[in-house]
Amino acid sequence: MRSSIIEEDIRRITANDLPWDVFRNKTILITGASGMIPSYFLYTFLRLNDTAGMGIKVIALVRNKEKAEKILGDDLKRDDVELVVQDVSEPLSVTEHIDYIFHGGSAARPADHKTSPTSTIRANIIGTFNLLDYAVKTGSEAFILMSSSEVYGKQPETESGTVKAITEDDYGKVDTLDPRSCYSEGKRAAETIGACYQAEFGIRFVSPRFAHIYGPGLMMNDGRVQADFAANVFRGEDIVMNSDGSSVRAYTYVADACAGVFYALLKGSDTAYNVADNDSIISIRELAEAFVAARPEKGLKVVIKAPSDDSRSYNKVSFIGLSGDKLKALGWKPEIHAEEGVKRMISHLEETE
């Protein structure tokens, strides 16, 4: 359900100086619509309807109806929203014309990559084929793939032993025989599929590559560290880490990430754009400390345990710091950095759980 934090976020997104009118009277399909990032797209389009009379129709495709009803709540009862329940890997049950497709129907939880690698890669590959085939059939204007920093794989170290911020052309190594690569390779393949359809059929293809996104809408049982840390603080528990937390990630607040996609789509002309807050490239331990500091009155601390030997459930790449310069050149500017973002995430939980 929407919290006051989400409402503020959506107002901030739609306040960006963008040519929103291109969406007027359009029909938009959002897959994985109950997920954190896709749900923000849905909320944005509904606010455009409410504040500017855009006449947008949103088709929200989800696999789990009960989860969608819990998260999206009364928004599913609106006349401008249609709920479709199906696996994106199956042929689409939608029959109407679609102008824009936002494809976020993909297993992003690390636990899913471990236990269901085949369904993870299937959603990204077969699901992308299904959606793009429908885009060709219906004459869609654009296809937006919610991609990932994991397409970059392991980056080579410099002479000083560090890795520079990753740009859109910096492709590294992915172990194709590691089942954990189901997500990385699935996103890589989906990008190639989209590029092929753009070249052959003329459908505009945009692939925002998200850094590690956090914020309202990330389920506490998601399995990623930002969800675990938020759950710990919400429950008044110390944050116990199974590593030294030295791995570095680019953490980006969900509302900023959503706005970044709109900049790429509405102002950009390229295909791939990193969506990353370069002022929030921090280690996992620093992120944990930020969560603890967000509620000092709870007296919590960060505890380091011996590393776990369960390697299949997490990404082994030690540095995933994306350069957001290409997107910033379009006018995008992240507004919520890590210190404030973790506070907003916890406030959302306190308001809704």
Foldseek 3Di string as FASTA:
>chain_A
DDDVLLVVLLVVLVPDPFPPLVQALFEEEEEPCLFDQNVSVVVNVVVCCVPPVRNYAYEYEYQDPVSSCLRVPCVCVDPRYHYHHDQLLDADPDDAAHAEYEYPNAQPFLVCLQPPLPSRLSCLASSLVNVLVVCLVRVYQAYEYAAALLLQPAADADPVRHDDADEPPRHDDDDPPQSSCSRNVSRVNSLVVQVVCCVPRVHHAAYEHEWAEDFPRCDLPSNDLLSVLLVCVLVLHAAEDQAPQQFKTFYAYSSLQSSLSSLCVRQNDDHYAYRGQLVATGTRVVLSVLLCVLCVVSVHYYHYDHHDPPPSSDRPHRYRHHDRVVSVVSVRDGDAYRNRRSNNRNVSVVRSD
